[in-house]
Every structure is written in C-alpha cells, then in structure tokens.
Amino acid sequence: MRYLIVSLFIIIFSFTTSVFAYDFIDDSGLSDTAGPAGYDLESQENTIEETLSRNITLVLSLVGVIFMILIIYGGINWMLAQGNDEKVNKAKKIIIDSLIGLIIVVAAYAITYLILEFILDITWQDPVSQIE
C-alpha cells in the first residue's frame, strides 16, 4: 500500500511540475503570429484557484482511469476463472468495488465542477478570445 501511495505521489508531482528546457513561445515562432493576432504572450495570470482546479481535474481523471483499468482487470479475471467459484467471486468483488469507486470519482468530479464553475466562477480551460 505504501508503494502505491508513493507511486501516485510521484506521478502527480511529475504532471504538476513544469519543464523549462524548451521555450515554446520564442523557439516555435508563436510570438511572431500571436502578437499581431492580439494575444498577450507575456501574461502570467494563473491564480491559485486555477492551478488548484487543474490539479484536482488531473487527479480525478487519473483516478477514474485507474478504476476503469480495475474493471477491465476484474472482467479478465472472471473470463479466466474457468468456473472456479472462488476466482469468480474474487473477480465479481473487484468489479463491484471498482464500479463503486468509479461512481464516487464521477460524483466528486461533478461536485468539483459545480463548485469551481458556478460558485467560484473559475473556468476549467482558458477562454479563447475572439478575433474581430
């Protein structure tokens, strides 16, 4: 269990840290085209709430994927049980527990979306400004 927690911490930490090896704006030529289009490339207006909402979304998405993998794993175990009641019951338990976990994650995702989008008025993605 300790290895699972450490592994999840490492995965989450690796997705939330940024890499400074390549300056995308300057090296890709984006500044040459985005500037005349009206975009402010120097703006760093990420608030704590936006960063927190991105991290919560990332974590809930990863946990949802893990539960879907567990459902598939339980189904494979059930198919490979070959009529052995003990293996079938174990596979059923994995599937049921995974479905309960998936429902909890989807509910948490919906509640988080409701709180961030409608109550705190934080958009999940940056709004795209329209070019006139």
N, C-alpha and C. Protein backbone atom coordinates (compact mmCIF):
# COMPACT_ATOMS: atom_id res chain seq x y z
N MET A 1 0.82 -1.19 0.00
CA MET A 1 0.00 0.00 0.00
C MET A 1 0.87 1.26 0.00
N ARG A 2 1.99 1.17 0.74
CA ARG A 2 2.89 2.32 0.81
C ARG A 2 3.49 2.61 -0.57
N TYR A 3 3.80 1.56 -1.33
CA TYR A 3 4.36 1.76 -2.66
C TYR A 3 3.35 2.40 -3.60
N LEU A 4 2.07 2.06 -3.45
CA LEU A 4 1.03 2.66 -4.27
C LEU A 4 0.91 4.15 -3.99
N ILE A 5 0.93 4.52 -2.72
CA ILE A 5 0.82 5.93 -2.36
C ILE A 5 2.03 6.71 -2.85
N VAL A 6 3.22 6.14 -2.69
CA VAL A 6 4.43 6.81 -3.17
C VAL A 6 4.40 6.93 -4.69
N SER A 7 3.96 5.89 -5.37
CA SER A 7 3.89 5.93 -6.83
C SER A 7 2.90 6.99 -7.31
N LEU A 8 1.73 7.06 -6.67
CA LEU A 8 0.75 8.08 -7.04
C LEU A 8 1.29 9.48 -6.78
N PHE A 9 2.00 9.67 -5.68
CA PHE A 9 2.59 10.97 -5.38
C PHE A 9 3.60 11.35 -6.45
N ILE A 10 4.43 10.42 -6.86
CA ILE A 10 5.43 10.70 -7.89
C ILE A 10 4.77 11.04 -9.22
N ILE A 11 3.73 10.31 -9.57
CA ILE A 11 3.03 10.58 -10.84
C ILE A 11 2.37 11.95 -10.80
N ILE A 12 1.68 12.26 -9.72
CA ILE A 12 1.01 13.56 -9.60
C ILE A 12 2.04 14.69 -9.62
N PHE A 13 3.14 14.52 -8.89
CA PHE A 13 4.17 15.54 -8.84
C PHE A 13 4.80 15.75 -10.22
N SER A 14 5.00 14.67 -10.96
CA SER A 14 5.63 14.82 -12.27
C SER A 14 4.71 15.51 -13.26
N PHE A 15 3.38 15.37 -13.10
CA PHE A 15 2.47 16.05 -14.01
C PHE A 15 2.25 17.51 -13.64
N THR A 16 2.46 17.87 -12.37
CA THR A 16 2.18 19.24 -11.96
C THR A 16 3.40 20.14 -12.04
N THR A 17 4.59 19.59 -12.21
CA THR A 17 5.77 20.44 -12.35
C THR A 17 5.96 20.80 -13.81
N SER A 18 6.55 21.93 -14.04
CA SER A 18 6.76 22.37 -15.42
C SER A 18 8.21 22.15 -15.83
N VAL A 19 8.41 22.04 -17.12
CA VAL A 19 9.74 21.81 -17.67
C VAL A 19 10.18 23.08 -18.40
N PHE A 20 11.39 23.53 -18.10
CA PHE A 20 11.89 24.77 -18.68
C PHE A 20 12.96 24.52 -19.73
N ALA A 21 13.02 23.34 -20.29
CA ALA A 21 14.09 23.03 -21.23
C ALA A 21 13.87 23.68 -22.59
N TYR A 22 12.64 23.95 -22.97
CA TYR A 22 12.33 24.47 -24.29
C TYR A 22 11.39 25.65 -24.13
N ASP A 23 11.78 26.79 -24.60
CA ASP A 23 10.92 27.97 -24.53
C ASP A 23 10.02 27.96 -25.76
N PHE A 24 8.81 27.45 -25.59
CA PHE A 24 7.92 27.23 -26.71
C PHE A 24 7.54 28.52 -27.42
N ILE A 25 7.30 29.56 -26.66
CA ILE A 25 6.83 30.81 -27.27
C ILE A 25 7.89 31.41 -28.20
N ASP A 26 9.12 31.47 -27.72
CA ASP A 26 10.17 32.10 -28.53
C ASP A 26 10.73 31.17 -29.60
N ASP A 27 10.93 29.90 -29.26
CA ASP A 27 11.59 28.98 -30.19
C ASP A 27 10.68 28.45 -31.29
N SER A 28 9.37 28.48 -31.10
CA SER A 28 8.47 27.91 -32.10
C SER A 28 7.97 28.94 -33.11
N GLY A 29 8.20 30.20 -32.85
CA GLY A 29 7.69 31.23 -33.75
C GLY A 29 6.28 31.67 -33.40
N LEU A 30 5.78 31.22 -32.27
CA LEU A 30 4.43 31.58 -31.84
C LEU A 30 4.30 33.08 -31.59
N SER A 31 5.37 33.68 -31.08
CA SER A 31 5.32 35.11 -30.80
C SER A 31 5.16 35.93 -32.08
N ASP A 32 5.65 35.43 -33.20
CA ASP A 32 5.54 36.16 -34.47
C ASP A 32 4.11 36.17 -34.99
N THR A 33 3.36 35.15 -34.71
CA THR A 33 1.99 35.09 -35.22
C THR A 33 0.94 35.49 -34.19
N ALA A 34 1.19 35.21 -32.91
CA ALA A 34 0.19 35.50 -31.89
C ALA A 34 0.14 36.98 -31.54
N GLY A 35 1.28 37.65 -31.58
CA GLY A 35 1.31 39.08 -31.26
C GLY A 35 0.41 39.91 -32.16
N PRO A 36 0.55 39.79 -33.48
CA PRO A 36 -0.33 40.56 -34.37
C PRO A 36 -1.80 40.15 -34.28
N ALA A 37 -2.07 38.93 -33.80
CA ALA A 37 -3.45 38.48 -33.67
C ALA A 37 -4.13 39.04 -32.43
N GLY A 38 -3.36 39.65 -31.51
CA GLY A 38 -3.96 40.28 -30.36
C GLY A 38 -3.79 39.53 -29.05
N TYR A 39 -3.02 38.47 -29.05
CA TYR A 39 -2.81 37.71 -27.82
C TYR A 39 -1.62 38.28 -27.05
N ASP A 40 -1.76 38.35 -25.73
CA ASP A 40 -0.69 38.82 -24.87
C ASP A 40 0.07 37.60 -24.37
N LEU A 41 1.25 37.36 -24.93
CA LEU A 41 2.02 36.17 -24.59
C LEU A 41 2.77 36.30 -23.28
N GLU A 42 2.96 37.49 -22.79
CA GLU A 42 3.70 37.70 -21.55
C GLU A 42 2.80 37.61 -20.31
N SER A 43 1.52 37.47 -20.52
CA SER A 43 0.58 37.42 -19.40
C SER A 43 0.71 36.11 -18.65
N GLN A 44 0.94 36.20 -17.36
CA GLN A 44 1.05 35.02 -16.48
C GLN A 44 -0.03 35.12 -15.41
N GLU A 45 -1.28 35.10 -15.80
CA GLU A 45 -2.38 35.35 -14.89
C GLU A 45 -2.98 34.06 -14.32
N ASN A 46 -2.16 33.11 -13.98
CA ASN A 46 -2.66 31.90 -13.34
C ASN A 46 -2.82 32.15 -11.86
N THR A 47 -4.03 32.03 -11.38
CA THR A 47 -4.28 32.22 -9.96
C THR A 47 -4.16 30.88 -9.25
N ILE A 48 -4.17 30.95 -7.94
CA ILE A 48 -4.09 29.73 -7.14
C ILE A 48 -5.31 28.85 -7.41
N GLU A 49 -6.47 29.48 -7.56
CA GLU A 49 -7.69 28.72 -7.80
C GLU A 49 -7.63 27.96 -9.13
N GLU A 50 -7.09 28.61 -10.17
CA GLU A 50 -6.99 27.95 -11.47
C GLU A 50 -6.01 26.78 -11.42
N THR A 51 -4.89 26.98 -10.75
CA THR A 51 -3.92 25.90 -10.61
C THR A 51 -4.50 24.76 -9.80
N LEU A 52 -5.20 25.07 -8.73
CA LEU A 52 -5.84 24.05 -7.91
C LEU A 52 -6.90 23.30 -8.70
N SER A 53 -7.68 24.01 -9.50
CA SER A 53 -8.73 23.34 -10.29
C SER A 53 -8.11 22.41 -11.33
N ARG A 54 -7.00 22.84 -11.94
CA ARG A 54 -6.32 21.97 -12.91
C ARG A 54 -5.78 20.71 -12.24
N ASN A 55 -5.19 20.86 -11.05
CA ASN A 55 -4.65 19.71 -10.34
C ASN A 55 -5.74 18.77 -9.86
N ILE A 56 -6.84 19.30 -9.39
CA ILE A 56 -7.97 18.45 -8.97
C ILE A 56 -8.52 17.69 -10.17
N THR A 57 -8.66 18.37 -11.29
CA THR A 57 -9.15 17.70 -12.50
C THR A 57 -8.20 16.60 -12.93
N LEU A 58 -6.91 16.86 -12.87
CA LEU A 58 -5.91 15.86 -13.25
C LEU A 58 -5.98 14.64 -12.34
N VAL A 59 -6.04 14.88 -11.04
CA VAL A 59 -6.07 13.76 -10.09
C VAL A 59 -7.34 12.94 -10.26
N LEU A 60 -8.49 13.60 -10.38
CA LEU A 60 -9.74 12.86 -10.56
C LEU A 60 -9.75 12.10 -11.88
N SER A 61 -9.17 12.66 -12.91
CA SER A 61 -9.10 11.95 -14.20
C SER A 61 -8.22 10.71 -14.09
N LEU A 62 -7.07 10.84 -13.43
CA LEU A 62 -6.18 9.69 -13.26
C LEU A 62 -6.83 8.60 -12.41
N VAL A 63 -7.51 8.99 -11.36
CA VAL A 63 -8.18 8.00 -10.51
C VAL A 63 -9.30 7.32 -11.28
N GLY A 64 -10.02 8.07 -12.10
CA GLY A 64 -11.06 7.46 -12.95
C GLY A 64 -10.48 6.45 -13.92
N VAL A 65 -9.34 6.75 -14.51
CA VAL A 65 -8.67 5.82 -15.41
C VAL A 65 -8.24 4.56 -14.66
N ILE A 66 -7.74 4.75 -13.43
CA ILE A 66 -7.32 3.59 -12.63
C ILE A 66 -8.51 2.68 -12.35
N PHE A 67 -9.66 3.25 -12.01
CA PHE A 67 -10.84 2.43 -11.75
C PHE A 67 -11.32 1.71 -13.02
N MET A 68 -11.22 2.36 -14.17
CA MET A 68 -11.59 1.68 -15.41
C MET A 68 -10.65 0.51 -15.70
N ILE A 69 -9.37 0.68 -15.42
CA ILE A 69 -8.42 -0.41 -15.60
C ILE A 69 -8.74 -1.56 -14.65
N LEU A 70 -9.15 -1.23 -13.41
CA LEU A 70 -9.53 -2.28 -12.47
C LEU A 70 -10.78 -3.03 -12.92
N ILE A 71 -11.72 -2.34 -13.53
CA ILE A 71 -12.91 -3.01 -14.06
C ILE A 71 -12.52 -3.99 -15.17
N ILE A 72 -11.64 -3.56 -16.05
CA ILE A 72 -11.17 -4.45 -17.12
C ILE A 72 -10.41 -5.64 -16.53
N TYR A 73 -9.58 -5.37 -15.52
CA TYR A 73 -8.83 -6.44 -14.86
C TYR A 73 -9.79 -7.46 -14.22
N GLY A 74 -10.84 -6.98 -13.56
CA GLY A 74 -11.82 -7.88 -12.97
C GLY A 74 -12.54 -8.71 -14.02
N GLY A 75 -12.86 -8.09 -15.15
CA GLY A 75 -13.51 -8.83 -16.23
C GLY A 75 -12.62 -9.90 -16.82
N ILE A 76 -11.35 -9.59 -16.97
CA ILE A 76 -10.40 -10.60 -17.48
C ILE A 76 -10.26 -11.75 -16.49
N ASN A 77 -10.19 -11.42 -15.20
CA ASN A 77 -10.11 -12.47 -14.18
C ASN A 77 -11.35 -13.36 -14.20
N TRP A 78 -12.52 -12.76 -14.43
CA TRP A 78 -13.75 -13.54 -14.48
C TRP A 78 -13.74 -14.48 -15.68
N MET A 79 -13.25 -13.96 -16.82
CA MET A 79 -13.21 -14.81 -18.02
C MET A 79 -12.21 -15.95 -17.86
N LEU A 80 -11.13 -15.70 -17.13
CA LEU A 80 -10.11 -16.72 -16.96
C LEU A 80 -10.35 -17.63 -15.75
N ALA A 81 -11.46 -17.44 -15.03
CA ALA A 81 -11.74 -18.22 -13.83
C ALA A 81 -12.06 -19.68 -14.16
N GLN A 82 -12.56 -19.95 -15.34
CA GLN A 82 -12.87 -21.30 -15.82
C GLN A 82 -13.79 -22.06 -14.87
N GLY A 83 -14.79 -21.35 -14.33
CA GLY A 83 -15.78 -21.99 -13.48
C GLY A 83 -15.39 -22.14 -12.02
N ASN A 84 -14.21 -21.73 -11.65
CA ASN A 84 -13.79 -21.80 -10.26
C ASN A 84 -14.54 -20.72 -9.47
N ASP A 85 -15.39 -21.16 -8.51
CA ASP A 85 -16.24 -20.23 -7.79
C ASP A 85 -15.45 -19.20 -6.99
N GLU A 86 -14.33 -19.61 -6.44
CA GLU A 86 -13.53 -18.68 -5.64
C GLU A 86 -12.97 -17.55 -6.51
N LYS A 87 -12.48 -17.90 -7.70
CA LYS A 87 -11.95 -16.88 -8.61
C LYS A 87 -13.06 -15.98 -9.16
N VAL A 88 -14.22 -16.59 -9.43
CA VAL A 88 -15.35 -15.81 -9.94
C VAL A 88 -15.81 -14.80 -8.89
N ASN A 89 -15.91 -15.22 -7.65
CA ASN A 89 -16.32 -14.31 -6.58
C ASN A 89 -15.31 -13.19 -6.37
N LYS A 90 -14.03 -13.54 -6.48
CA LYS A 90 -12.99 -12.52 -6.35
C LYS A 90 -13.10 -11.50 -7.49
N ALA A 91 -13.34 -11.98 -8.71
CA ALA A 91 -13.48 -11.09 -9.86
C ALA A 91 -14.73 -10.21 -9.72
N LYS A 92 -15.83 -10.79 -9.23
CA LYS A 92 -17.04 -10.01 -9.00
C LYS A 92 -16.79 -8.91 -7.98
N LYS A 93 -16.07 -9.24 -6.93
CA LYS A 93 -15.77 -8.25 -5.89
C LYS A 93 -14.92 -7.11 -6.45
N ILE A 94 -13.94 -7.44 -7.30
CA ILE A 94 -13.11 -6.41 -7.93
C ILE A 94 -13.96 -5.49 -8.79
N ILE A 95 -14.86 -6.08 -9.57
CA ILE A 95 -15.70 -5.29 -10.47
C ILE A 95 -16.66 -4.40 -9.68
N ILE A 96 -17.30 -4.96 -8.66
CA ILE A 96 -18.25 -4.18 -7.86
C ILE A 96 -17.54 -3.05 -7.12
N ASP A 97 -16.40 -3.35 -6.51
CA ASP A 97 -15.65 -2.31 -5.81
C ASP A 97 -15.17 -1.23 -6.78
N SER A 98 -14.77 -1.64 -7.97
CA SER A 98 -14.33 -0.66 -8.97
C SER A 98 -15.48 0.22 -9.44
N LEU A 99 -16.65 -0.37 -9.62
CA LEU A 99 -17.82 0.42 -10.03
C LEU A 99 -18.21 1.42 -8.94
N ILE A 100 -18.16 1.00 -7.68
CA ILE A 100 -18.46 1.91 -6.59
C ILE A 100 -17.43 3.05 -6.56
N GLY A 101 -16.17 2.72 -6.72
CA GLY A 101 -15.13 3.74 -6.76
C GLY A 101 -15.29 4.68 -7.93
N LEU A 102 -15.66 4.14 -9.09
CA LEU A 102 -15.86 4.97 -10.28
C LEU A 102 -17.03 5.92 -10.08
N ILE A 103 -18.10 5.45 -9.46
CA ILE A 103 -19.25 6.31 -9.17
C ILE A 103 -18.84 7.43 -8.21
N ILE A 104 -18.05 7.10 -7.20
CA ILE A 104 -17.58 8.12 -6.25
C ILE A 104 -16.71 9.16 -6.95
N VAL A 105 -15.83 8.71 -7.84
CA VAL A 105 -14.96 9.64 -8.57
C VAL A 105 -15.77 10.53 -9.50
N VAL A 106 -16.74 9.97 -10.20
CA VAL A 106 -17.58 10.78 -11.10
C VAL A 106 -18.38 11.79 -10.29
N ALA A 107 -18.90 11.38 -9.13
CA ALA A 107 -19.63 12.32 -8.28
C ALA A 107 -18.71 13.42 -7.77
N ALA A 108 -17.49 13.07 -7.38
CA ALA A 108 -16.53 14.08 -6.93
C ALA A 108 -16.17 15.04 -8.05
N TYR A 109 -16.02 14.51 -9.25
CA TYR A 109 -15.73 15.34 -10.42
C TYR A 109 -16.88 16.31 -10.68
N ALA A 110 -18.12 15.81 -10.60
CA ALA A 110 -19.28 16.66 -10.84
C ALA A 110 -19.41 17.73 -9.76
N ILE A 111 -19.19 17.37 -8.52
CA ILE A 111 -19.27 18.35 -7.43
C ILE A 111 -18.18 19.40 -7.57
N THR A 112 -16.98 18.96 -7.91
CA THR A 112 -15.87 19.91 -8.10
C THR A 112 -16.16 20.85 -9.26
N TYR A 113 -16.69 20.31 -10.34
CA TYR A 113 -17.05 21.14 -11.49
C TYR A 113 -18.12 22.16 -11.09
N LEU A 114 -19.12 21.72 -10.36
CA LEU A 114 -20.19 22.61 -9.93
C LEU A 114 -19.64 23.73 -9.05
N ILE A 115 -18.81 23.40 -8.10
CA ILE A 115 -18.26 24.41 -7.19
C ILE A 115 -17.36 25.38 -7.94
N LEU A 116 -16.46 24.87 -8.76
CA LEU A 116 -15.50 25.74 -9.43
C LEU A 116 -16.13 26.57 -10.54
N GLU A 117 -17.02 25.98 -11.29
CA GLU A 117 -17.57 26.67 -12.45
C GLU A 117 -18.67 27.65 -12.07
N PHE A 118 -19.59 27.24 -11.22
CA PHE A 118 -20.75 28.08 -10.97
C PHE A 118 -20.65 28.90 -9.69
N ILE A 119 -20.03 28.36 -8.66
CA ILE A 119 -19.97 29.09 -7.40
C ILE A 119 -18.76 30.02 -7.37
N LEU A 120 -17.57 29.51 -7.69
CA LEU A 120 -16.36 30.33 -7.67
C LEU A 120 -16.08 31.03 -8.99
N ASP A 121 -16.82 30.68 -10.04
CA ASP A 121 -16.69 31.28 -11.37
C ASP A 121 -15.28 31.13 -11.92
N ILE A 122 -14.72 29.92 -11.81
CA ILE A 122 -13.42 29.61 -12.38
C ILE A 122 -13.66 28.70 -13.58
N THR A 123 -13.16 29.11 -14.74
CA THR A 123 -13.34 28.28 -15.92
C THR A 123 -12.32 27.16 -15.91
N TRP A 124 -12.71 26.01 -16.44
CA TRP A 124 -11.82 24.84 -16.42
C TRP A 124 -10.72 24.99 -17.45
N GLN A 125 -10.98 25.72 -18.50
CA GLN A 125 -9.96 25.96 -19.50
C GLN A 125 -9.94 27.46 -19.79
N ASP A 126 -8.81 27.93 -20.29
CA ASP A 126 -8.72 29.35 -20.58
C ASP A 126 -9.70 29.73 -21.69
N PRO A 127 -10.43 30.81 -21.51
CA PRO A 127 -11.35 31.21 -22.56
C PRO A 127 -10.58 31.69 -23.78
N VAL A 128 -11.11 31.40 -24.94
CA VAL A 128 -10.48 31.80 -26.19
C VAL A 128 -11.08 33.14 -26.61
N SER A 129 -10.24 34.14 -26.77
CA SER A 129 -10.75 35.43 -27.19
C SER A 129 -11.02 35.40 -28.69
N GLN A 130 -12.09 36.07 -29.07
CA GLN A 130 -12.47 36.05 -30.48
C GLN A 130 -11.73 37.16 -31.22
N ILE A 131 -11.23 36.83 -32.38
CA ILE A 131 -10.53 37.79 -33.22
C ILE A 131 -11.55 38.47 -34.13
N GLU A 132 -11.56 39.75 -34.06
CA GLU A 132 -12.55 40.50 -34.87
C GLU A 132 -11.94 40.93 -36.18
